[in-house]
C-alpha atoms as a PDB file:
ATOM      1  CA  MET A   1       6.633 -13.494   5.390  1.00  0.00           C
ATOM      2  CA  VAL A   2       7.191 -10.450   7.520  1.00  0.00           C
ATOM      3  CA  SER A   3       4.780  -8.798   9.963  1.00  0.00           C
ATOM      4  CA  ILE A   4       3.739  -5.149   9.843  1.00  0.00           C
ATOM      5  CA  LYS A   5       5.279  -4.426  13.259  1.00  0.00           C
ATOM      6  CA  GLU A   6       8.701  -5.439  11.840  1.00  0.00           C
ATOM      7  CA  LEU A   7       8.574  -2.948   8.956  1.00  0.00           C
ATOM      8  CA  LYS A   8      10.876   0.060   8.893  1.00  0.00           C
ATOM      9  CA  GLU A   9      11.421   2.904   6.461  1.00  0.00           C
ATOM     10  CA  ASP A  10      13.418   1.706   3.431  1.00  0.00           C
ATOM     11  CA  SER A  11      12.587  -1.996   4.046  1.00  0.00           C
ATOM     12  CA  LYS A  12      12.753  -3.849   0.732  1.00  0.00           C
ATOM     13  CA  LYS A  13      11.702  -7.222  -0.705  1.00  0.00           C
ATOM     14  CA  ILE A  14       8.706  -7.364   1.633  1.00  0.00           C
ATOM     15  CA  ASP A  15       6.346 -10.353   1.475  1.00  0.00           C
ATOM     16  CA  LEU A  16       3.230  -9.765   3.589  1.00  0.00           C
ATOM     17  CA  ASN A  17      -0.201 -11.326   4.181  1.00  0.00           C
ATOM     18  CA  ALA A  18      -2.807  -8.868   5.480  1.00  0.00           C
ATOM     19  CA  THR A  19      -6.473  -7.899   5.519  1.00  0.00           C
ATOM     20  CA  VAL A  20      -7.924  -4.638   4.223  1.00  0.00           C
ATOM     21  CA  VAL A  21      -9.531  -2.845   7.183  1.00  0.00           C
ATOM     22  CA  ALA A  22     -10.257   0.558   5.598  1.00  0.00           C
ATOM     23  CA  THR A  23     -10.315   2.319   2.247  1.00  0.00           C
ATOM     24  CA  GLY A  24      -9.777   6.049   1.988  1.00  0.00           C
ATOM     25  CA  GLU A  25     -11.253   8.636  -0.322  1.00  0.00           C
ATOM     26  CA  VAL A  26      -9.984   8.818  -3.893  1.00  0.00           C
ATOM     27  CA  ARG A  27      -8.088  12.059  -4.425  1.00  0.00           C
ATOM     28  CA  GLU A  28      -6.146  13.677  -7.235  1.00  0.00           C
ATOM     29  CA  ILE A  29      -2.532  14.713  -6.996  1.00  0.00           C
ATOM     30  CA  THR A  30      -0.224  16.524  -9.385  1.00  0.00           C
ATOM     31  CA  ALA A  31       3.337  15.307  -9.874  1.00  0.00           C
ATOM     32  CA  LYS A  32       5.726  18.148  -9.039  1.00  0.00           C
ATOM     33  CA  GLN A  33       8.244  17.285 -11.751  1.00  0.00           C
ATOM     34  CA  THR A  34       5.893  16.577 -14.664  1.00  0.00           C
ATOM     35  CA  GLY A  35       2.647  18.320 -13.761  1.00  0.00           C
ATOM     36  CA  LYS A  36       0.789  15.112 -14.634  1.00  0.00           C
ATOM     37  CA  GLN A  37      -2.418  14.339 -12.702  1.00  0.00           C
ATOM     38  CA  TYR A  38      -2.894  11.030 -10.892  1.00  0.00           C
ATOM     39  CA  LYS A  39      -5.670   9.532  -8.798  1.00  0.00           C
ATOM     40  CA  ILE A  40      -4.651   7.903  -5.533  1.00  0.00           C
ATOM     41  CA  GLN A  41      -6.444   6.026  -2.738  1.00  0.00           C
ATOM     42  CA  GLU A  42      -4.937   4.867   0.535  1.00  0.00           C
ATOM     43  CA  VAL A  43      -5.991   1.429   1.757  1.00  0.00           C
ATOM     44  CA  THR A  44      -5.199   0.372   5.342  1.00  0.00           C
ATOM     45  CA  LEU A  45      -3.865  -3.156   5.855  1.00  0.00           C
ATOM     46  CA  PHE A  46      -3.849  -5.109   9.151  1.00  0.00           C
ATOM     47  CA  ASP A  47      -2.038  -8.388   9.905  1.00  0.00           C
ATOM     48  CA  GLY A  48      -2.631  -8.909  13.636  1.00  0.00           C
ATOM     49  CA  THR A  49       0.523  -6.999  14.621  1.00  0.00           C
ATOM     50  CA  GLY A  50      -0.320  -3.534  13.299  1.00  0.00           C
ATOM     51  CA  THR A  51      -1.573  -1.454  10.388  1.00  0.00           C
ATOM     52  CA  ILE A  52       0.090   0.174   7.396  1.00  0.00           C
ATOM     53  CA  GLY A  53      -1.160   2.222   4.461  1.00  0.00           C
ATOM     54  CA  LEU A  54      -0.958   0.954   0.891  1.00  0.00           C
ATOM     55  CA  ASN A  55      -1.448   3.460  -1.925  1.00  0.00           C
ATOM     56  CA  MET A  56      -3.522   2.386  -4.916  1.00  0.00           C
ATOM     57  CA  TRP A  57      -2.895   4.391  -8.092  1.00  0.00           C
ATOM     58  CA  ASP A  58      -5.166   5.162 -11.062  1.00  0.00           C
ATOM     59  CA  SER A  59      -6.337   1.848 -12.598  1.00  0.00           C
ATOM     60  CA  GLU A  60      -5.675  -0.050  -9.317  1.00  0.00           C
ATOM     61  CA  ILE A  61      -8.313   1.993  -7.456  1.00  0.00           C
ATOM     62  CA  GLY A  62     -11.398  -0.032  -6.599  1.00  0.00           C
ATOM     63  CA  LYS A  63      -9.660  -3.422  -6.758  1.00  0.00           C
ATOM     64  CA  LEU A  64      -9.614  -3.767  -2.951  1.00  0.00           C
ATOM     65  CA  ALA A  65     -12.469  -3.653  -0.458  1.00  0.00           C
ATOM     66  CA  VAL A  66     -12.723  -3.956   3.322  1.00  0.00           C
ATOM     67  CA  ASN A  67     -12.185  -7.577   4.498  1.00  0.00           C
ATOM     68  CA  ASN A  68     -10.235  -8.579   1.348  1.00  0.00           C
ATOM     69  CA  LYS A  69      -7.270 -10.788   2.215  1.00  0.00           C
ATOM     70  CA  VAL A  70      -4.206  -9.701   0.246  1.00  0.00           C
ATOM     71  CA  ILE A  71      -0.706 -10.962  -0.402  1.00  0.00           C
ATOM     72  CA  VAL A  72       2.027  -8.477  -1.249  1.00  0.00           C
ATOM     73  CA  LYS A  73       5.199  -9.933  -2.761  1.00  0.00           C
ATOM     74  CA  ASN A  74       8.425  -7.981  -3.227  1.00  0.00           C
ATOM     75  CA  GLY A  75       7.016  -4.738  -1.825  1.00  0.00           C
ATOM     76  CA  TYR A  76       8.961  -1.918  -0.199  1.00  0.00           C
ATOM     77  CA  VAL A  77       8.365   0.639   2.553  1.00  0.00           C
ATOM     78  CA  THR A  78       8.651   4.418   2.397  1.00  0.00           C
ATOM     79  CA  ALA A  79       7.624   7.168   4.789  1.00  0.00           C
ATOM     80  CA  TYR A  80       5.449  10.147   3.904  1.00  0.00           C
ATOM     81  CA  LYS A  81       4.876  12.882   6.474  1.00  0.00           C
ATOM     82  CA  GLY A  82       6.305  10.586   9.157  1.00  0.00           C
ATOM     83  CA  LYS A  83       3.948   7.691   8.360  1.00  0.00           C
ATOM     84  CA  LEU A  84       5.110   4.347   6.949  1.00  0.00           C
ATOM     85  CA  GLN A  85       3.592   3.270   3.636  1.00  0.00           C
ATOM     86  CA  LEU A  86       3.791  -0.067   1.863  1.00  0.00           C
ATOM     87  CA  ASN A  87       4.356   0.107  -1.889  1.00  0.00           C
ATOM     88  CA  VAL A  88       3.996  -2.611  -4.507  1.00  0.00           C
ATOM     89  CA  GLY A  89       5.894  -0.795  -7.263  1.00  0.00           C
ATOM     90  CA  LYS A  90       6.677  -2.157 -10.701  1.00  0.00           C
ATOM     91  CA  TYR A  91       8.636  -5.178  -9.425  1.00  0.00           C
ATOM     92  CA  GLY A  92       6.118  -6.314  -6.799  1.00  0.00           C
ATOM     93  CA  THR A  93       2.752  -8.025  -6.967  1.00  0.00           C
ATOM     94  CA  LEU A  94      -0.525  -7.629  -5.107  1.00  0.00           C
ATOM     95  CA  THR A  95      -2.889 -10.608  -5.037  1.00  0.00           C
ATOM     96  CA  VAL A  96      -6.398 -10.724  -3.575  1.00  0.00           C
ATOM     97  CA  GLU A  97      -7.204 -14.099  -1.985  1.00  0.00           C
END
């Protein structure tokens, strides 16, 4: 397992245990390339060393609540507007304990 403070942009194969400390508003975005609409919600995770955002998409929205303990396996990190974000992607898993 890795800690949030160790994460860097482009980190891959991330396994992380954390707690949900905040859930953001659900918003709609439009994909630039396809014009398709998606719903997205940012959830903030904390592991004792720092916080990081995790984006929940469409059918995933509402699965996490504040104080949920989560395990991310095989995640990866990107940066959006200078802020690190944890992603589960199609090869990772997100489990609520």
